[in-house]
Protein backbone atom coordinates (compact mmCIF):
# COMPACT_ATOMS: atom_id res chain seq x y z
CA MET A 1 -28.87 35.19 154.11
CA THR A 2 -26.35 36.89 156.41
CA ARG A 3 -24.48 35.47 159.39
CA LEU A 4 -24.33 37.95 162.30
CA ASP A 5 -22.16 37.55 165.39
CA VAL A 6 -21.77 39.64 168.52
CA TRP A 7 -19.85 39.31 171.78
CA ALA A 8 -22.22 39.98 174.69
CA PRO A 9 -21.05 37.81 177.63
CA ASN A 10 -23.36 39.38 180.21
CA ALA A 11 -26.58 39.08 178.22
CA LYS A 12 -29.12 36.32 178.81
CA ARG A 13 -30.91 36.94 175.52
CA VAL A 14 -29.76 38.63 172.30
CA GLU A 15 -31.86 39.39 169.24
CA VAL A 16 -31.27 40.89 165.81
CA VAL A 17 -33.65 43.79 165.18
CA ALA A 18 -34.16 44.40 161.45
CA GLY A 19 -36.50 45.99 158.93
CA GLU A 20 -39.62 47.41 160.58
CA GLY A 21 -38.69 46.03 163.97
CA GLU A 22 -38.70 42.30 163.24
CA ARG A 23 -36.73 40.40 165.86
CA TYR A 24 -34.66 37.28 165.26
CA PRO A 25 -33.32 35.34 168.26
CA MET A 26 -29.60 34.61 168.39
CA GLU A 27 -27.97 31.46 169.75
CA LEU A 28 -25.19 31.36 172.33
CA ALA A 29 -22.07 29.83 170.78
CA GLY A 30 -19.79 29.96 173.82
CA ASP A 31 -17.31 32.41 175.34
CA GLY A 32 -20.03 35.06 175.30
CA TRP A 33 -20.51 35.01 171.53
CA TRP A 34 -23.97 34.94 169.98
CA TRP A 35 -24.87 34.18 166.36
CA ALA A 36 -27.80 34.07 163.95
CA ASP A 37 -28.35 33.45 160.25
CA VAL A 38 -30.95 35.96 159.06
CA ALA A 39 -32.43 35.12 155.67
CA SER A 40 -34.00 38.55 155.15
CA LEU A 41 -30.75 40.48 155.55
CA GLY A 42 -28.09 41.11 152.92
CA PRO A 43 -25.66 43.81 151.82
CA GLY A 44 -27.20 47.27 152.18
CA HIS A 45 -29.71 46.19 154.84
CA ASP A 46 -29.83 47.75 158.31
CA TYR A 47 -29.96 45.97 161.67
CA ARG A 48 -29.39 46.39 165.40
CA PHE A 49 -28.72 44.10 168.35
CA SER A 50 -31.12 43.95 171.30
CA LEU A 51 -29.82 42.73 174.67
CA ASP A 52 -32.33 41.16 177.08
CA GLY A 53 -35.29 42.73 175.29
CA GLY A 54 -33.95 46.28 175.27
CA ASP A 55 -33.89 48.77 172.44
CA GLY A 56 -31.64 47.93 169.53
CA LEU A 57 -28.03 49.15 169.57
CA PRO A 58 -25.44 49.42 166.77
CA ASP A 59 -23.18 46.44 166.17
CA PRO A 60 -19.86 46.95 168.05
CA ARG A 61 -18.17 45.83 164.81
CA SER A 62 -20.50 47.76 162.53
CA GLN A 63 -19.09 48.24 159.04
CA TRP A 64 -21.26 51.25 158.23
CA GLN A 65 -23.28 53.77 160.29
CA PRO A 66 -25.23 55.78 157.70
CA ALA A 67 -27.45 57.41 160.35
CA GLY A 68 -24.65 58.28 162.75
CA VAL A 69 -23.31 56.78 165.95
CA HIS A 70 -26.76 56.03 167.43
CA GLY A 71 -28.38 54.69 164.26
CA PRO A 72 -28.63 51.16 162.89
CA SER A 73 -25.70 49.32 161.39
CA ARG A 74 -25.61 48.49 157.69
CA ILE A 75 -24.24 45.30 156.14
CA VAL A 76 -21.30 45.73 153.76
CA ASP A 77 -20.07 43.25 151.17
CA HIS A 78 -16.37 44.07 150.87
CA SER A 79 -15.94 41.67 147.94
CA ALA A 80 -18.28 43.79 145.80
CA PHE A 81 -15.83 46.69 145.40
CA SER A 82 -13.82 46.71 142.16
CA TRP A 83 -10.23 47.50 143.12
CA THR A 84 -7.77 48.62 140.45
CA ASP A 85 -4.57 48.48 142.54
CA GLY A 86 -3.56 44.89 141.81
CA ALA A 87 -0.08 45.93 140.73
CA TRP A 88 0.50 48.10 143.81
CA SER A 89 2.97 47.03 146.50
CA THR A 90 3.96 48.94 149.64
CA PHE A 91 7.57 50.19 149.64
CA PRO A 92 9.92 50.49 152.66
CA LEU A 93 8.96 53.21 155.13
CA ALA A 94 12.56 54.47 155.02
CA ASP A 95 11.84 55.70 151.46
CA ALA A 96 8.68 57.61 152.41
CA VAL A 97 7.90 61.31 152.51
CA LEU A 98 4.59 61.53 154.39
CA TYR A 99 1.80 64.09 154.18
CA GLU A 100 -0.71 64.23 157.03
CA LEU A 101 -4.20 65.28 156.04
CA HIS A 102 -7.68 65.63 157.51
CA ILE A 103 -10.42 64.53 155.12
CA GLY A 104 -12.96 67.13 156.29
CA THR A 105 -10.72 70.17 155.70
CA PHE A 106 -8.38 68.97 152.94
CA SER A 107 -10.85 69.73 150.13
CA PRO A 108 -13.81 72.12 149.80
CA GLU A 109 -16.16 69.11 149.72
CA GLY A 110 -14.67 67.60 152.88
CA THR A 111 -15.17 64.04 151.60
CA PHE A 112 -13.10 61.09 150.41
CA ASP A 113 -14.05 61.81 146.80
CA GLY A 114 -13.29 65.49 147.27
CA ALA A 115 -9.81 64.64 148.55
CA VAL A 116 -9.14 62.54 145.43
CA GLY A 117 -9.37 65.72 143.36
CA TYR A 118 -6.22 67.08 145.01
CA LEU A 119 -4.03 63.98 145.04
CA ASP A 120 -2.25 65.04 141.85
CA HIS A 121 -0.94 68.05 143.78
CA LEU A 122 0.73 65.65 146.20
CA VAL A 123 2.30 63.72 143.34
CA ASP A 124 3.61 66.97 141.85
CA LEU A 125 4.92 67.97 145.28
CA GLY A 126 6.89 64.73 145.47
CA VAL A 127 5.43 63.09 148.56
CA ASN A 128 4.72 59.39 148.22
CA ALA A 129 2.55 58.60 151.26
CA VAL A 130 -0.45 60.19 152.96
CA GLU A 131 -1.20 59.82 156.65
CA VAL A 132 -4.95 60.24 157.14
CA MET A 133 -6.38 61.40 160.46
CA PRO A 134 -8.99 58.99 161.90
CA VAL A 135 -11.92 58.25 159.60
CA ASN A 136 -13.99 55.86 161.73
CA GLN A 137 -17.49 57.08 162.62
CA PHE A 138 -17.55 59.95 165.13
CA PRO A 139 -20.48 62.07 166.41
CA GLY A 140 -21.89 64.65 164.01
CA SER A 141 -20.49 65.65 160.64
CA ARG A 142 -17.29 67.48 161.58
CA GLY A 143 -14.47 66.60 163.94
CA TRP A 144 -10.88 65.49 164.17
CA GLY A 145 -11.90 61.84 164.54
CA TYR A 146 -10.23 61.12 167.88
CA ASP A 147 -13.61 60.91 169.63
CA GLY A 148 -14.82 58.17 167.30
CA VAL A 149 -16.83 55.25 168.63
CA ASP A 150 -17.52 52.90 165.70
CA LEU A 151 -13.99 51.68 165.03
CA TYR A 152 -14.94 49.48 162.06
CA ALA A 153 -17.13 51.97 160.17
CA PRO A 154 -15.68 54.74 157.93
CA GLN A 155 -17.35 58.09 158.61
CA HIS A 156 -20.59 58.23 156.63
CA GLU A 157 -20.38 61.99 156.05
CA TYR A 158 -16.98 61.49 154.39
CA GLY A 159 -18.40 58.89 151.99
CA GLY A 160 -18.67 55.67 153.98
CA PRO A 161 -16.93 52.38 153.17
CA ASP A 162 -16.92 52.66 149.37
CA GLY A 163 -15.82 56.28 149.55
CA PHE A 164 -12.77 55.36 151.59
CA LYS A 165 -11.98 52.48 149.23
CA ARG A 166 -12.16 54.86 146.26
CA PHE A 167 -9.77 57.20 148.05
CA VAL A 168 -7.22 54.45 148.81
CA ASP A 169 -7.54 53.03 145.29
CA ALA A 170 -6.97 56.50 143.81
CA CYS A 171 -3.89 56.97 146.01
CA HIS A 172 -2.42 53.67 144.86
CA ARG A 173 -3.02 54.56 141.19
CA ARG A 174 -0.79 57.57 141.85
CA CYS A 175 1.82 55.51 143.72
CA LEU A 176 0.84 57.08 147.04
CA ALA A 177 0.86 54.81 150.09
CA VAL A 178 -1.86 55.32 152.70
CA VAL A 179 -1.31 55.34 156.47
CA LEU A 180 -4.44 55.46 158.62
CA ASP A 181 -4.49 57.00 162.10
CA VAL A 182 -6.27 54.61 164.50
CA VAL A 183 -7.23 55.21 168.13
CA TYR A 184 -7.08 52.28 170.55
CA ASN A 185 -6.39 54.11 173.82
CA HIS A 186 -9.95 55.40 174.33
CA LEU A 187 -13.32 55.95 172.67
CA GLY A 188 -15.42 59.10 172.54
CA PRO A 189 -18.30 59.50 175.01
CA ASP A 190 -21.13 60.10 172.54
CA GLY A 191 -22.39 56.90 170.93
CA ASN A 192 -20.04 54.63 172.86
CA HIS A 193 -22.25 51.59 173.50
CA LEU A 194 -19.47 49.02 173.92
CA GLY A 195 -19.79 48.89 177.72
CA VAL A 196 -23.38 47.70 177.38
CA PHE A 197 -22.27 44.66 175.39
CA GLY A 198 -19.44 43.52 177.63
CA PRO A 199 -16.41 44.42 179.77
CA TYR A 200 -14.68 46.46 177.10
CA PHE A 201 -13.51 48.99 179.73
CA THR A 202 -12.04 48.88 183.21
CA ASP A 203 -12.02 51.26 186.16
CA ARG A 204 -8.68 49.86 187.32
CA TYR A 205 -6.95 52.39 185.08
CA SER A 206 -7.93 55.73 183.65
CA THR A 207 -6.87 57.79 180.66
CA PRO A 208 -7.11 61.56 180.03
CA TRP A 209 -10.33 60.73 178.17
CA GLY A 210 -12.00 58.46 180.74
CA MET A 211 -12.05 54.73 181.46
CA ALA A 212 -9.31 52.64 179.88
CA PRO A 213 -9.90 49.68 177.57
CA ASN A 214 -9.83 46.37 179.45
CA LEU A 215 -6.69 44.84 177.98
CA ASP A 216 -5.39 42.76 180.88
CA GLY A 217 -8.32 42.00 183.18
CA PRO A 218 -10.96 39.27 183.26
CA GLU A 219 -12.53 38.60 179.85
CA SER A 220 -9.98 40.86 178.14
CA ASP A 221 -9.12 38.32 175.41
CA ASN A 222 -12.07 39.39 173.27
CA VAL A 223 -11.32 43.08 173.87
CA ARG A 224 -7.80 42.53 172.58
CA ALA A 225 -9.20 40.61 169.60
CA PHE A 226 -11.56 43.53 168.93
CA ILE A 227 -8.52 45.81 168.51
CA VAL A 228 -6.31 43.43 166.55
CA ASP A 229 -9.15 42.43 164.21
CA ASN A 230 -9.88 46.10 163.60
CA ALA A 231 -6.27 46.76 162.61
CA LEU A 232 -6.32 43.81 160.23
CA MET A 233 -9.63 44.93 158.72
CA TRP A 234 -8.23 48.29 157.58
CA LEU A 235 -5.22 46.57 156.04
CA ARG A 236 -7.21 43.77 154.41
CA ASP A 237 -10.57 45.23 153.39
CA TYR A 238 -9.44 48.79 152.66
CA HIS A 239 -5.92 48.03 151.32
CA VAL A 240 -4.35 50.52 153.73
CA ASP A 241 -0.54 50.35 153.74
CA GLY A 242 0.08 51.21 157.37
CA LEU A 243 -1.36 52.30 160.69
CA ARG A 244 -0.43 55.14 162.99
CA LEU A 245 -1.31 54.22 166.59
CA ASP A 246 -2.54 57.25 168.52
CA ALA A 247 -1.09 58.03 171.98
CA THR A 248 0.34 54.60 172.71
CA HIS A 249 1.62 55.93 176.05
CA ALA A 250 -2.04 56.00 177.16
CA ILE A 251 -2.64 52.33 176.31
CA VAL A 252 -2.46 50.65 179.71
CA ASP A 253 -1.66 46.94 179.46
CA MET A 254 0.23 45.00 182.14
CA SER A 255 0.16 41.73 180.20
CA ALA A 256 3.40 39.92 179.46
CA LEU A 257 2.57 40.37 175.77
CA HIS A 258 1.55 44.00 175.32
CA ILE A 259 -1.36 44.64 172.97
CA ILE A 260 0.95 46.63 170.68
CA GLU A 261 3.27 43.63 170.35
CA GLU A 262 0.27 41.38 169.66
CA LEU A 263 -0.93 43.79 166.98
CA VAL A 264 2.51 43.92 165.35
CA ASP A 265 2.74 40.12 165.42
CA ALA A 266 -0.61 39.92 163.62
CA VAL A 267 0.40 42.45 160.96
CA ARG A 268 3.91 41.19 160.21
CA PRO A 269 2.90 38.07 158.20
CA LEU A 270 0.86 40.16 155.74
CA GLU A 271 2.15 40.37 152.19
CA PRO A 272 3.17 42.90 151.09
CA SER A 273 4.51 44.09 154.43
CA ARG A 274 2.69 46.94 156.13
CA TRP A 275 3.88 49.74 158.39
CA VAL A 276 2.99 50.26 162.04
CA ILE A 277 3.91 53.68 163.46
CA ALA A 278 3.43 54.85 167.05
CA GLU A 279 2.79 58.14 168.73
CA SER A 280 4.31 58.19 172.21
CA ASP A 281 5.62 60.83 174.60
CA ARG A 282 7.67 58.41 176.71
CA ASN A 283 10.88 58.57 174.67
CA ASP A 284 11.09 54.81 175.03
CA PRO A 285 13.02 53.28 172.11
CA ARG A 286 11.70 49.83 172.88
CA LEU A 287 8.78 50.71 170.62
CA VAL A 288 11.10 50.65 167.59
CA TRP A 289 13.65 48.12 168.75
CA THR A 290 13.31 44.82 166.92
CA ARG A 291 11.66 41.90 168.68
CA GLU A 292 15.04 40.14 168.66
CA ASN A 293 16.47 43.05 170.67
CA GLY A 294 13.65 43.04 173.19
CA GLY A 295 11.51 45.69 171.51
CA TYR A 296 7.94 45.89 170.25
CA GLY A 297 9.09 45.84 166.63
CA LEU A 298 7.21 48.88 165.30
CA ASP A 299 8.49 50.45 162.10
CA ALA A 300 8.74 53.99 163.49
CA GLN A 301 7.45 56.50 166.01
CA TRP A 302 6.77 60.23 165.85
CA SER A 303 9.68 62.35 167.15
CA ASP A 304 8.13 65.12 169.22
CA ASP A 305 11.50 66.11 170.67
CA PHE A 306 12.73 67.06 167.19
CA HIS A 307 9.59 69.14 166.64
CA HIS A 308 9.79 70.80 170.05
CA SER A 309 13.44 71.69 169.67
CA LEU A 310 12.87 73.21 166.21
CA HIS A 311 9.73 75.07 167.22
CA ALA A 312 11.18 76.50 170.42
CA ALA A 313 14.38 77.65 168.71
CA LEU A 314 12.56 79.31 165.81
CA THR A 315 9.65 80.91 167.69
CA GLY A 316 11.15 81.61 171.11
CA GLU A 317 8.11 80.04 172.79
CA ARG A 318 8.75 78.55 176.22
CA GLN A 319 5.26 77.84 177.61
CA GLY A 320 4.17 74.32 178.55
CA TYR A 321 6.48 71.57 177.35
CA TYR A 322 8.49 74.09 175.31
CA ALA A 323 10.06 75.09 178.64
CA ASP A 324 12.36 72.10 178.16
CA PHE A 325 13.67 73.35 174.78
CA GLY A 326 15.27 76.33 173.08
CA PRO A 327 19.05 75.98 172.59
CA LEU A 328 20.37 74.90 169.21
CA ALA A 329 22.12 72.12 171.09
CA ASP A 330 18.67 70.53 171.46
CA ILE A 331 18.18 70.46 167.68
CA ALA A 332 21.63 68.90 167.34
CA ALA A 333 20.80 66.33 170.02
CA ALA A 334 17.55 65.41 168.26
CA LEU A 335 19.27 65.06 164.88
CA ARG A 336 21.97 62.81 166.34
CA ASN A 337 19.91 60.93 168.91
CA ALA A 338 16.18 61.25 167.98
CA TYR A 339 15.47 62.05 171.64
CA VAL A 340 16.61 65.21 173.35
CA TYR A 341 15.40 63.76 176.63
CA ASP A 342 17.18 60.43 176.74
CA GLY A 343 17.37 60.19 180.51
CA ARG A 344 18.19 63.80 181.31
CA TYR A 345 16.19 65.94 183.74
CA SER A 346 13.04 67.59 182.39
CA VAL A 347 12.06 70.88 184.01
CA PHE A 348 8.55 70.58 182.59
CA ARG A 349 8.02 67.08 183.99
CA ARG A 350 10.14 67.73 187.11
CA ARG A 351 11.83 64.36 186.71
CA HIS A 352 14.30 62.54 184.49
CA HIS A 353 12.75 61.44 181.24
CA GLY A 354 13.44 58.95 178.44
CA ARG A 355 16.33 56.69 177.58
CA PRO A 356 18.90 56.56 174.72
CA PRO A 357 17.75 54.85 171.50
CA GLY A 358 20.83 52.61 171.49
CA ALA A 359 23.50 51.99 168.91
CA GLY A 360 22.53 51.08 165.38
CA VAL A 361 18.96 52.43 165.43
CA PRO A 362 18.45 54.17 162.06
CA GLY A 363 16.98 57.63 161.89
CA THR A 364 14.26 56.25 159.65
CA ARG A 365 12.71 54.60 162.71
CA PHE A 366 11.47 58.12 163.60
CA LEU A 367 9.20 60.62 161.85
CA GLY A 368 10.45 64.22 161.77
CA TYR A 369 8.19 67.24 161.28
CA LEU A 370 7.79 70.96 161.91
CA GLN A 371 3.99 70.76 162.03
CA ASN A 372 1.27 68.18 162.64
CA HIS A 373 -2.38 68.26 163.67
CA ASP A 374 -1.58 68.17 167.39
CA GLN A 375 1.07 70.87 167.45
CA ILE A 376 -1.15 73.23 165.45
CA GLY A 377 -4.65 72.32 166.53
CA ASN A 378 -3.98 72.07 170.24
CA ARG A 379 -2.90 75.70 170.31
CA ALA A 380 -5.62 78.11 171.43
CA ALA A 381 -6.15 79.57 167.96
CA GLY A 382 -4.71 76.78 165.82
CA GLU A 383 -1.83 78.85 164.45
CA ARG A 384 0.52 77.27 161.93
CA SER A 385 4.28 77.83 161.89
CA GLY A 386 3.81 80.48 159.22
CA HIS A 387 1.74 82.50 161.68
CA LEU A 388 4.49 82.33 164.31
CA MET A 389 7.71 82.88 162.34
CA SER A 390 8.92 84.57 159.18
CA GLN A 391 8.81 82.78 155.84
CA PRO A 392 12.63 82.62 155.68
CA HIS A 393 12.64 80.81 159.01
CA VAL A 394 9.91 78.44 157.77
CA GLU A 395 12.10 77.74 154.75
CA ALA A 396 15.11 77.00 156.97
CA ALA A 397 13.02 74.65 159.10
CA ALA A 398 11.74 72.88 155.99
CA ALA A 399 15.32 72.15 154.92
CA LEU A 400 16.20 70.80 158.35
CA VAL A 401 13.12 68.52 158.34
CA LEU A 402 13.13 67.25 154.78
CA LEU A 403 16.88 66.61 154.67
CA SER A 404 17.05 65.17 158.18
CA PRO A 405 17.94 61.56 159.01
CA PHE A 406 14.27 60.96 159.88
CA VAL A 407 11.31 60.00 157.69
CA PRO A 408 9.88 63.48 157.02
CA MET A 409 6.23 64.41 157.35
CA LEU A 410 4.35 67.54 156.30
CA PHE A 411 0.93 68.69 157.47
CA GLN A 412 -1.65 69.64 154.84
CA GLY A 413 -0.93 73.06 153.33
CA GLU A 414 2.43 73.38 155.04
CA GLU A 415 4.18 73.17 151.69
CA TRP A 416 2.79 76.53 150.57
CA GLY A 417 2.45 78.19 153.97
CA ALA A 418 -1.35 77.92 154.11
CA SER A 419 -2.90 80.94 155.81
CA SER A 420 -5.83 78.93 157.17
CA PRO A 421 -5.40 77.80 160.78
CA PHE A 422 -6.17 74.27 161.87
CA GLN A 423 -8.43 74.66 164.89
CA TYR A 424 -10.14 72.23 167.20
CA PHE A 425 -13.70 71.61 165.99
CA THR A 426 -16.52 69.27 167.00
CA ASP A 427 -20.16 68.62 166.17
CA HIS A 428 -21.58 66.98 169.27
CA ARG A 429 -25.37 66.68 169.12
CA ASP A 430 -25.75 66.03 172.86
CA PRO A 431 -26.33 69.57 174.27
CA ARG A 432 -24.65 68.82 177.60
CA LEU A 433 -21.57 67.35 175.96
CA ALA A 434 -21.42 70.20 173.43
CA LYS A 435 -21.51 72.76 176.24
CA ALA A 436 -18.90 70.88 178.27
CA VAL A 437 -16.51 70.72 175.28
CA SER A 438 -16.91 74.43 174.49
CA GLU A 439 -16.41 75.52 178.09
CA GLY A 440 -13.57 73.07 178.64
CA ARG A 441 -11.68 74.42 175.65
CA LYS A 442 -11.92 77.96 177.04
CA ARG A 443 -10.71 76.85 180.48
CA GLU A 444 -7.80 74.92 178.97
CA HIS A 445 -6.45 78.02 177.23
CA ALA A 446 -7.61 80.68 179.69
CA GLY A 447 -4.05 81.62 180.65
CA PHE A 448 -2.79 82.19 177.11
CA GLY A 449 -4.47 85.54 176.51
CA ALA A 450 -5.95 84.49 173.18
CA ASP A 451 -9.47 84.29 171.86
CA VAL A 452 -10.46 80.64 171.86
CA PRO A 453 -12.73 79.64 168.97
CA ASP A 454 -15.79 77.66 170.01
CA PRO A 455 -15.25 74.07 168.77
CA GLN A 456 -19.00 73.67 168.22
CA ASP A 457 -19.30 76.76 166.00
CA PRO A 458 -19.42 75.64 162.34
CA THR A 459 -17.25 78.62 161.36
CA THR A 460 -14.37 77.13 163.40
CA PHE A 461 -14.46 74.15 161.06
CA GLU A 462 -14.93 76.23 157.91
CA ARG A 463 -11.99 78.54 158.60
CA SER A 464 -9.77 75.45 159.02
CA LYS A 465 -10.29 74.39 155.39
CA LEU A 466 -7.43 74.86 152.97
CA ASP A 467 -7.52 77.69 150.42
CA TRP A 468 -6.05 75.93 147.40
CA GLY A 469 -5.92 79.15 145.36
CA GLU A 470 -3.04 80.39 147.54
CA ARG A 471 -0.60 78.01 145.89
CA GLU A 472 -0.30 80.17 142.79
CA ARG A 473 0.33 83.45 144.62
CA ALA A 474 3.56 84.78 146.07
CA PRO A 475 4.97 84.25 148.63
CA HIS A 476 3.11 80.91 148.84
CA SER A 477 4.32 79.84 145.41
CA ASP A 478 7.96 80.43 146.44
CA LEU A 479 7.58 78.24 149.51
CA LEU A 480 5.91 75.54 147.41
CA TRP A 481 8.86 75.61 144.97
CA TRP A 482 11.28 75.24 147.89
CA HIS A 483 9.46 72.20 149.27
CA ARG A 484 9.49 70.57 145.83
CA GLN A 485 13.25 71.07 145.56
CA LEU A 486 13.88 69.67 149.01
CA ILE A 487 11.66 66.62 148.46
CA GLU A 488 13.28 65.89 145.10
CA VAL A 489 16.70 65.89 146.74
CA ARG A 490 15.38 63.87 149.66
CA ARG A 491 14.02 61.13 147.44
CA SER A 492 16.98 61.05 145.05
CA SER A 493 20.01 61.29 147.30
CA ALA A 494 19.27 61.94 150.96
CA ARG A 495 17.15 59.08 152.24
CA SER A 496 19.77 56.58 153.40
CA ALA A 497 18.95 54.69 156.59
CA ALA A 498 22.28 55.50 158.21
CA ASP A 499 22.67 55.15 161.96
CA LEU A 500 21.89 58.32 163.85
CA ASP A 501 25.46 58.67 165.03
CA SER A 502 26.58 59.19 161.41
CA THR A 503 24.82 62.58 161.38
CA HIS A 504 27.26 65.35 162.29
CA VAL A 505 26.04 68.72 163.51
CA ALA A 506 28.01 71.91 164.15
CA TRP A 507 26.32 74.97 165.64
CA ASP A 508 26.86 78.32 167.30
CA GLU A 509 24.40 79.34 170.03
CA GLY A 510 25.37 82.99 169.89
CA GLU A 511 25.31 83.36 166.11
CA ARG A 512 22.31 80.99 165.79
CA TRP A 513 23.48 78.83 162.88
CA LEU A 514 23.67 75.08 162.26
CA VAL A 515 25.55 72.89 159.81
CA VAL A 516 24.09 69.41 159.40
CA ASP A 517 26.28 66.90 157.54
CA ARG A 518 24.61 63.56 156.80
CA GLY A 519 27.33 62.05 154.69
CA GLU A 520 25.43 62.51 151.40
CA ILE A 521 23.96 65.94 151.83
CA ALA A 522 24.77 68.93 154.01
CA VAL A 523 22.45 71.73 155.16
CA VAL A 524 23.51 75.13 156.47
CA ALA A 525 20.82 77.20 158.19
CA ASN A 526 20.70 80.56 159.92
CA VAL A 527 17.85 80.34 162.43
CA GLY A 528 18.72 83.68 164.06
CA GLU A 529 17.63 87.25 163.50
CA LYS A 530 20.85 88.70 162.04
CA SER A 531 23.08 87.97 159.07
CA VAL A 532 25.99 85.66 159.83
CA ARG A 533 29.04 84.15 158.20
CA VAL A 534 29.01 80.40 158.79
CA PRO A 535 32.38 78.68 158.70
CA LEU A 536 32.13 75.34 156.89
CA PRO A 537 33.92 72.35 158.39
CA ALA A 538 36.26 70.73 155.89
CA ALA A 539 33.91 67.80 155.33
CA ALA A 540 30.68 69.78 155.23
CA MET A 541 29.78 70.84 151.69
CA ARG A 542 31.40 70.79 148.24
CA THR A 543 28.99 73.16 146.49
CA VAL A 544 25.68 74.89 147.14
CA THR A 545 22.89 73.20 145.17
CA ALA A 546 20.06 75.56 146.15
CA ALA A 547 19.22 78.36 148.58
CA SER A 548 15.90 79.16 150.21
CA PRO A 549 13.92 81.47 147.89
CA SER A 550 13.21 84.32 150.30
CA THR A 551 16.89 84.92 150.95
CA ARG A 552 18.79 83.53 147.95
CA ASP A 553 19.92 87.01 146.89
CA ALA A 554 21.51 87.49 150.31
CA VAL A 555 23.60 84.32 150.16
CA ALA A 556 27.32 84.58 149.42
CA VAL A 557 29.46 81.47 149.12
CA HIS A 558 33.18 81.55 149.95
CA ASP A 559 35.83 78.82 149.88
CA ASP A 560 35.33 77.85 153.49
CA ALA A 561 32.25 79.80 154.62
CA VAL A 562 28.86 81.02 153.54
CA ASP A 563 27.11 84.30 154.35
CA LEU A 564 23.45 83.87 155.27
CA ALA A 565 20.68 86.36 155.94
CA PRO A 566 18.28 85.71 158.84
CA GLY A 567 16.35 82.52 158.14
CA ALA A 568 18.43 81.62 155.10
CA ALA A 569 19.26 78.00 154.34
CA VAL A 570 21.38 76.32 151.68
CA PHE A 571 22.06 72.69 150.89
CA GLY A 572 24.41 70.76 148.71
CA PRO A 573 26.37 67.54 148.42
CA ALA A 574 28.57 66.82 151.40
CA ALA A 575 32.28 67.16 150.81
CA ALA A 576 32.87 63.61 152.02
CA GLY A 577 29.90 62.23 150.07
């Protein structure tokens, strides 16, 4: 016998539809909740909910959608899985080196089990946490996951609930923490049946993706519970170590207690402690301020300003939001302040933007990166940094990221300079939606003068898969060696959670070099296009530990300076360390 519950406050009659169409009436329990004990249903059985005699719909809290977003829901017994991670305990986020991956393109199989086959590479690389792009059920068999609709059900094509559990369990056996990307600011249009069940959405606000979740209007309590319970489910039933909240700037909530704060409050009592990380483009440090200091109390947020400043300086691109970046002073500002735009005027936005993070905020409250799924995949052709700059410059950027005051993050294949792009791909089965997505993508990038791959074309997905054989071939193998060296140093001596204002940066705009002194470790990088002699401040560096592989033969160390070829980078213990 299985107890089924569903929130459907507007329905006058709700039934469970099971088996060959048998219907079982549900009883109203109050506050819009209906329930039924169905003797014929158990783990592995399928069911739907019928409202007022209509056709059956998937359970809004479905744990498994084996026939896709429009099919029946399947009952899952979470207690039946045999976990082997009893000795595992999440470590502090400040000690993490993260690796973002997409299940569908990370391995040739494109599944949870397929991904397990490459986890030993991550261990050998030195990372100790993976950040997984959304895995809840989305339309079709291929996609990024941000148009998902069944928030409680792991994508069936990836391997379903048990497949995801095997993946997390395998990560923990290798001492890899798992962060899951979750999307609470919108749902995809195909298979989104929530609005039929109740007031999950509101037309009082809008998002770039359509109607906003109803988080502060009438009957919003159960919508908020839907989100918080979902977050807790991933942490409890799938042993996930942390959550990355997508586009929190698009979560509209005028309540005195914001839904993000409520979510953090629900997660904090869990033992061991779990991480909550935000994506936001507001440059609002209140996300990472402690609750005692008037903040939301999240563990960290992505630092897009650091990415933008690095990318613009190294590629010369100035289109879109890169118009706000370019000088080396912006990289220095990001390294010392997390935000470049901390209240200063933004040309791109045509207004002042952001606010200072405040004294005493550690750099480890921010994630630093050169690449991520957005910054690659939202380009017209999905080009990686290696497609846009020389390998020496990629090596210099890697040193600046991995030895920065931030928690560093790599994107899958970045460590060896993967030649495969990461493009935007979808598998919508609704012909009108498929056509709209394909045409919309072309319009979005019409002014960039590039061929725009059709998201619906299966080859767009296939060409985005990693070619693991590249790792063993030069120059990929050299870049992989460099990342291993940097991560080893990061994890052994350069991960202190010092305040941002303890990072000292010297730079020369004309000569295009930077010296970053973090107190323990110092990095010297030539991000320009000509060889330079970089004068070393007295407290910068005692000795050079390693030089980037593409340019090591062109590095000359003097008593108080170092000669660097274009794109060269060196690091070593700081003189004051």
